[in-house]
């Protein structure tokens, strides 16, 4: 399994397992986990039904992301840019921490 495939697989299960507070990916990546009862909430989407922001049950709005761990595949990629825009829209600073690797990103 390549690193990218391993990262994708990890991120799909990280929220339901409590290893990440939120992540950004295509909706299809989370359907099985949601359907099996994992504690995952859909917060927002960049393209309704396609790219969504998923979080654990205790996070109900994008503003609730303050201080939370974000699972991202890589910095600078489209998911990173879009989740940063969503955070900035509600007053969170996506550049508040020096990031040395792609997981976790903390607002």
N, C-alpha and C. Protein backbone atom coordinates (compact mmCIF):
# COMPACT_ATOMS: atom_id res chain seq x y z
N UNK A 1 0.85 -1.17 0.00
CA UNK A 1 0.00 0.00 0.00
C UNK A 1 0.90 1.24 0.00
N UNK A 2 0.62 2.17 -0.87
CA UNK A 2 1.42 3.39 -0.93
C UNK A 2 1.09 4.29 0.26
N UNK A 3 1.97 5.25 0.54
CA UNK A 3 1.75 6.18 1.65
C UNK A 3 0.45 6.95 1.44
N UNK A 4 0.18 7.39 0.20
CA UNK A 4 -1.04 8.14 -0.07
C UNK A 4 -2.28 7.28 0.21
N UNK A 5 -2.27 6.03 -0.22
CA UNK A 5 -3.40 5.13 0.04
C UNK A 5 -3.54 4.87 1.53
N UNK A 6 -2.42 4.70 2.23
CA UNK A 6 -2.45 4.48 3.68
C UNK A 6 -3.04 5.70 4.38
N UNK A 7 -2.62 6.90 3.98
CA UNK A 7 -3.13 8.14 4.58
C UNK A 7 -4.62 8.27 4.32
N UNK A 8 -5.06 8.01 3.10
CA UNK A 8 -6.49 8.10 2.77
C UNK A 8 -7.29 7.14 3.63
N UNK A 9 -6.83 5.91 3.77
CA UNK A 9 -7.52 4.91 4.58
C UNK A 9 -7.57 5.35 6.04
N UNK A 10 -6.45 5.85 6.57
CA UNK A 10 -6.40 6.31 7.96
C UNK A 10 -7.40 7.43 8.19
N UNK A 11 -7.41 8.43 7.31
CA UNK A 11 -8.29 9.58 7.50
C UNK A 11 -9.76 9.18 7.44
N UNK A 12 -10.10 8.19 6.65
CA UNK A 12 -11.49 7.74 6.56
C UNK A 12 -11.99 7.16 7.87
N UNK A 13 -11.09 6.62 8.69
CA UNK A 13 -11.46 5.98 9.95
C UNK A 13 -11.10 6.81 11.18
N UNK A 14 -10.29 7.84 11.01
CA UNK A 14 -9.74 8.58 12.15
C UNK A 14 -10.80 9.30 12.97
N UNK A 15 -11.80 9.89 12.34
CA UNK A 15 -12.82 10.62 13.09
C UNK A 15 -13.64 9.67 13.95
N UNK A 16 -14.17 8.63 13.35
CA UNK A 16 -14.98 7.67 14.09
C UNK A 16 -14.21 6.98 15.21
N UNK A 17 -12.89 6.86 15.04
CA UNK A 17 -12.04 6.22 16.05
C UNK A 17 -11.51 7.21 17.08
N UNK A 18 -11.83 8.50 16.94
CA UNK A 18 -11.36 9.50 17.90
C UNK A 18 -9.92 9.93 17.70
N UNK A 19 -9.31 9.62 16.56
CA UNK A 19 -7.92 9.99 16.30
C UNK A 19 -7.79 11.33 15.60
N UNK A 20 -8.88 11.86 15.08
CA UNK A 20 -8.91 13.19 14.47
C UNK A 20 -10.28 13.79 14.79
N UNK A 21 -10.32 15.09 14.94
CA UNK A 21 -11.57 15.76 15.23
C UNK A 21 -12.36 16.08 13.97
N UNK A 22 -11.66 16.30 12.86
CA UNK A 22 -12.34 16.57 11.60
C UNK A 22 -11.41 16.31 10.44
N UNK A 23 -12.00 16.21 9.26
CA UNK A 23 -11.24 15.99 8.04
C UNK A 23 -12.04 16.55 6.88
N UNK A 24 -11.45 16.61 5.73
CA UNK A 24 -12.07 17.17 4.54
C UNK A 24 -11.83 16.20 3.40
N UNK A 25 -12.92 15.72 2.80
CA UNK A 25 -12.77 14.73 1.75
C UNK A 25 -14.07 14.62 0.97
N UNK A 26 -14.08 13.75 -0.01
CA UNK A 26 -15.29 13.48 -0.76
C UNK A 26 -16.28 12.75 0.14
N UNK A 27 -17.57 13.04 -0.02
CA UNK A 27 -18.61 12.43 0.81
C UNK A 27 -18.57 10.91 0.74
N UNK A 28 -18.27 10.38 -0.41
CA UNK A 28 -18.27 8.92 -0.59
C UNK A 28 -17.27 8.22 0.33
N UNK A 29 -16.24 8.91 0.76
CA UNK A 29 -15.24 8.30 1.64
C UNK A 29 -15.79 8.02 3.04
N UNK A 30 -16.89 8.66 3.41
CA UNK A 30 -17.43 8.55 4.77
C UNK A 30 -18.75 7.82 4.86
N UNK A 31 -19.34 7.47 3.75
CA UNK A 31 -20.67 6.86 3.75
C UNK A 31 -20.72 5.57 4.57
N UNK A 32 -19.76 4.69 4.40
CA UNK A 32 -19.75 3.41 5.13
C UNK A 32 -19.65 3.64 6.63
N UNK A 33 -18.75 4.54 7.04
CA UNK A 33 -18.61 4.83 8.46
C UNK A 33 -19.86 5.42 9.07
N UNK A 34 -20.47 6.37 8.38
CA UNK A 34 -21.71 6.98 8.88
C UNK A 34 -22.82 5.93 8.95
N UNK A 35 -22.92 5.13 7.91
CA UNK A 35 -23.96 4.11 7.85
C UNK A 35 -23.79 3.05 8.93
N UNK A 36 -22.54 2.80 9.35
CA UNK A 36 -22.29 1.79 10.38
C UNK A 36 -22.38 2.37 11.78
N UNK A 37 -22.75 3.66 11.88
CA UNK A 37 -22.97 4.25 13.19
C UNK A 37 -21.79 4.98 13.80
N UNK A 38 -20.71 5.18 13.04
CA UNK A 38 -19.59 5.94 13.58
C UNK A 38 -20.06 7.36 13.89
N UNK A 39 -19.53 7.98 14.95
CA UNK A 39 -19.96 9.32 15.37
C UNK A 39 -19.37 10.40 14.48
N UNK A 40 -19.95 10.58 13.29
CA UNK A 40 -19.45 11.53 12.30
C UNK A 40 -20.58 12.49 11.93
N UNK A 41 -20.27 13.78 11.87
CA UNK A 41 -21.24 14.81 11.49
C UNK A 41 -20.75 15.51 10.23
N UNK A 42 -21.64 15.77 9.28
CA UNK A 42 -21.31 16.55 8.10
C UNK A 42 -21.50 18.02 8.47
N UNK A 43 -20.43 18.82 8.39
CA UNK A 43 -20.49 20.23 8.79
C UNK A 43 -20.75 21.18 7.64
N UNK A 44 -20.04 21.03 6.57
CA UNK A 44 -20.13 21.98 5.46
C UNK A 44 -19.62 21.31 4.20
N UNK A 45 -19.89 21.93 3.06
CA UNK A 45 -19.42 21.36 1.82
C UNK A 45 -18.96 22.43 0.86
N UNK A 46 -17.98 22.07 0.05
CA UNK A 46 -17.50 22.98 -0.98
C UNK A 46 -18.29 22.76 -2.26
N UNK A 47 -18.67 21.53 -2.49
CA UNK A 47 -19.53 21.16 -3.61
C UNK A 47 -20.54 20.18 -3.03
N UNK A 48 -21.75 20.64 -2.79
CA UNK A 48 -22.76 19.84 -2.10
C UNK A 48 -22.84 18.42 -2.64
N UNK A 49 -22.71 17.46 -1.72
CA UNK A 49 -22.79 16.05 -2.09
C UNK A 49 -21.50 15.48 -2.62
N UNK A 50 -20.50 16.29 -2.83
CA UNK A 50 -19.24 15.81 -3.39
C UNK A 50 -18.11 16.00 -2.39
N UNK A 51 -17.76 17.23 -2.09
CA UNK A 51 -16.70 17.52 -1.14
C UNK A 51 -17.35 18.14 0.09
N UNK A 52 -17.19 17.48 1.23
CA UNK A 52 -17.83 17.91 2.47
C UNK A 52 -16.79 17.98 3.58
N UNK A 53 -17.11 18.73 4.62
CA UNK A 53 -16.30 18.80 5.83
C UNK A 53 -16.97 17.90 6.85
N UNK A 54 -16.26 16.88 7.32
CA UNK A 54 -16.81 15.90 8.26
C UNK A 54 -16.15 16.09 9.62
N UNK A 55 -16.92 15.88 10.69
CA UNK A 55 -16.38 16.06 12.03
C UNK A 55 -17.00 15.05 12.99
N UNK A 56 -16.39 14.94 14.17
CA UNK A 56 -16.98 14.08 15.20
C UNK A 56 -18.25 14.75 15.72
N UNK A 57 -19.08 13.99 16.41
CA UNK A 57 -20.41 14.45 16.80
C UNK A 57 -20.44 15.72 17.64
N UNK A 58 -19.42 15.97 18.44
CA UNK A 58 -19.44 17.14 19.32
C UNK A 58 -19.17 18.45 18.59
N UNK A 59 -18.81 18.39 17.32
CA UNK A 59 -18.55 19.59 16.52
C UNK A 59 -19.77 19.80 15.63
N UNK A 60 -20.46 20.94 15.84
CA UNK A 60 -21.71 21.17 15.13
C UNK A 60 -21.65 22.29 14.10
N UNK A 61 -20.64 23.14 14.18
CA UNK A 61 -20.50 24.23 13.22
C UNK A 61 -19.03 24.39 12.87
N UNK A 62 -18.76 25.10 11.81
CA UNK A 62 -17.37 25.36 11.42
C UNK A 62 -16.65 26.14 12.52
N UNK A 63 -17.35 27.03 13.20
CA UNK A 63 -16.74 27.81 14.29
C UNK A 63 -16.26 26.91 15.44
N UNK A 64 -16.86 25.73 15.60
CA UNK A 64 -16.45 24.79 16.64
C UNK A 64 -15.09 24.17 16.38
N UNK A 65 -14.47 24.49 15.25
CA UNK A 65 -13.17 23.92 14.89
C UNK A 65 -12.02 24.51 15.69
N UNK A 66 -12.25 25.60 16.40
CA UNK A 66 -11.17 26.25 17.16
C UNK A 66 -10.49 25.25 18.09
N UNK A 67 -9.18 25.09 17.92
CA UNK A 67 -8.39 24.19 18.75
C UNK A 67 -8.49 22.72 18.38
N UNK A 68 -9.16 22.40 17.29
CA UNK A 68 -9.36 21.00 16.90
C UNK A 68 -8.30 20.52 15.92
N UNK A 69 -8.08 19.22 15.89
CA UNK A 69 -7.13 18.58 14.98
C UNK A 69 -7.81 18.32 13.65
N UNK A 70 -7.15 18.69 12.57
CA UNK A 70 -7.71 18.52 11.23
C UNK A 70 -6.88 17.49 10.47
N UNK A 71 -7.52 16.48 9.95
CA UNK A 71 -6.82 15.49 9.14
C UNK A 71 -6.81 15.91 7.69
N UNK A 72 -5.63 16.12 7.15
CA UNK A 72 -5.48 16.53 5.75
C UNK A 72 -4.46 15.64 5.07
N UNK A 73 -4.65 15.40 3.79
CA UNK A 73 -3.70 14.57 3.04
C UNK A 73 -2.37 15.27 2.85
N UNK A 74 -2.41 16.57 2.53
CA UNK A 74 -1.17 17.32 2.34
C UNK A 74 -1.46 18.80 2.41
N UNK A 75 -0.46 19.55 2.85
CA UNK A 75 -0.60 21.00 2.93
C UNK A 75 -0.52 21.61 1.54
N UNK A 76 -1.37 22.59 1.28
CA UNK A 76 -1.37 23.28 0.01
C UNK A 76 -2.26 22.65 -1.04
N UNK A 77 -2.71 21.42 -0.79
CA UNK A 77 -3.61 20.76 -1.73
C UNK A 77 -5.02 21.35 -1.59
N UNK A 78 -5.88 21.03 -2.52
CA UNK A 78 -7.23 21.61 -2.54
C UNK A 78 -7.97 21.46 -1.20
N UNK A 79 -7.99 20.28 -0.56
CA UNK A 79 -8.69 20.19 0.73
C UNK A 79 -8.14 21.16 1.78
N UNK A 80 -6.83 21.31 1.85
CA UNK A 80 -6.21 22.24 2.78
C UNK A 80 -6.66 23.67 2.51
N UNK A 81 -6.65 24.05 1.26
CA UNK A 81 -7.05 25.40 0.88
C UNK A 81 -8.52 25.64 1.21
N UNK A 82 -9.39 24.70 0.85
CA UNK A 82 -10.82 24.89 1.09
C UNK A 82 -11.18 24.90 2.57
N UNK A 83 -10.60 24.01 3.37
CA UNK A 83 -10.92 24.03 4.81
C UNK A 83 -10.35 25.29 5.46
N UNK A 84 -9.23 25.80 4.97
CA UNK A 84 -8.68 27.06 5.48
C UNK A 84 -9.62 28.23 5.17
N UNK A 85 -10.19 28.23 3.97
CA UNK A 85 -11.15 29.28 3.59
C UNK A 85 -12.39 29.20 4.49
N UNK A 86 -12.90 27.99 4.70
CA UNK A 86 -14.08 27.82 5.56
C UNK A 86 -13.80 28.32 6.97
N UNK A 87 -12.63 28.00 7.50
CA UNK A 87 -12.26 28.45 8.84
C UNK A 87 -12.15 29.96 8.91
N UNK A 88 -11.51 30.55 7.92
CA UNK A 88 -11.34 32.00 7.90
C UNK A 88 -12.69 32.72 7.81
N UNK A 89 -13.64 32.12 7.11
CA UNK A 89 -14.97 32.71 6.97
C UNK A 89 -15.68 32.88 8.31
N UNK A 90 -15.34 32.05 9.30
CA UNK A 90 -15.98 32.16 10.62
C UNK A 90 -15.04 32.75 11.66
N UNK A 91 -13.95 33.38 11.19
CA UNK A 91 -13.05 34.10 12.09
C UNK A 91 -11.91 33.30 12.68
N UNK A 92 -11.69 32.07 12.23
CA UNK A 92 -10.56 31.28 12.71
C UNK A 92 -9.35 31.55 11.82
N UNK A 93 -8.18 31.52 12.40
CA UNK A 93 -6.95 31.80 11.66
C UNK A 93 -6.29 30.49 11.26
N UNK A 94 -6.40 30.09 9.99
CA UNK A 94 -5.80 28.83 9.57
C UNK A 94 -4.27 28.87 9.56
N UNK A 95 -3.68 30.03 9.72
CA UNK A 95 -2.22 30.16 9.75
C UNK A 95 -1.71 30.38 11.17
N UNK A 96 -2.52 30.08 12.18
CA UNK A 96 -2.14 30.38 13.56
C UNK A 96 -1.04 29.47 14.10
N UNK A 97 -0.76 28.37 13.45
CA UNK A 97 0.28 27.46 13.91
C UNK A 97 1.29 27.20 12.80
N UNK A 98 2.55 27.04 13.19
CA UNK A 98 3.58 26.64 12.22
C UNK A 98 3.38 25.15 11.96
N UNK A 99 3.14 24.79 10.72
CA UNK A 99 2.86 23.40 10.39
C UNK A 99 4.07 22.76 9.74
N UNK A 100 4.54 21.65 10.30
CA UNK A 100 5.68 20.97 9.73
C UNK A 100 5.28 19.71 8.97
N UNK A 101 4.04 19.26 9.15
CA UNK A 101 3.55 18.09 8.44
C UNK A 101 2.05 18.21 8.25
N UNK A 102 1.48 17.34 7.46
CA UNK A 102 0.08 17.51 7.05
C UNK A 102 -0.94 17.06 8.08
N UNK A 103 -0.55 16.31 9.10
CA UNK A 103 -1.52 15.86 10.09
C UNK A 103 -0.90 15.92 11.46
N UNK A 104 -1.45 16.56 12.42
CA UNK A 104 -2.70 17.31 12.35
C UNK A 104 -2.46 18.79 12.08
N UNK A 105 -3.50 19.47 11.63
CA UNK A 105 -3.53 20.92 11.48
C UNK A 105 -4.47 21.39 12.59
N UNK A 106 -4.05 22.33 13.40
CA UNK A 106 -4.87 22.79 14.53
C UNK A 106 -5.18 24.27 14.35
N UNK A 107 -6.47 24.63 14.43
CA UNK A 107 -6.89 26.03 14.33
C UNK A 107 -6.76 26.69 15.68
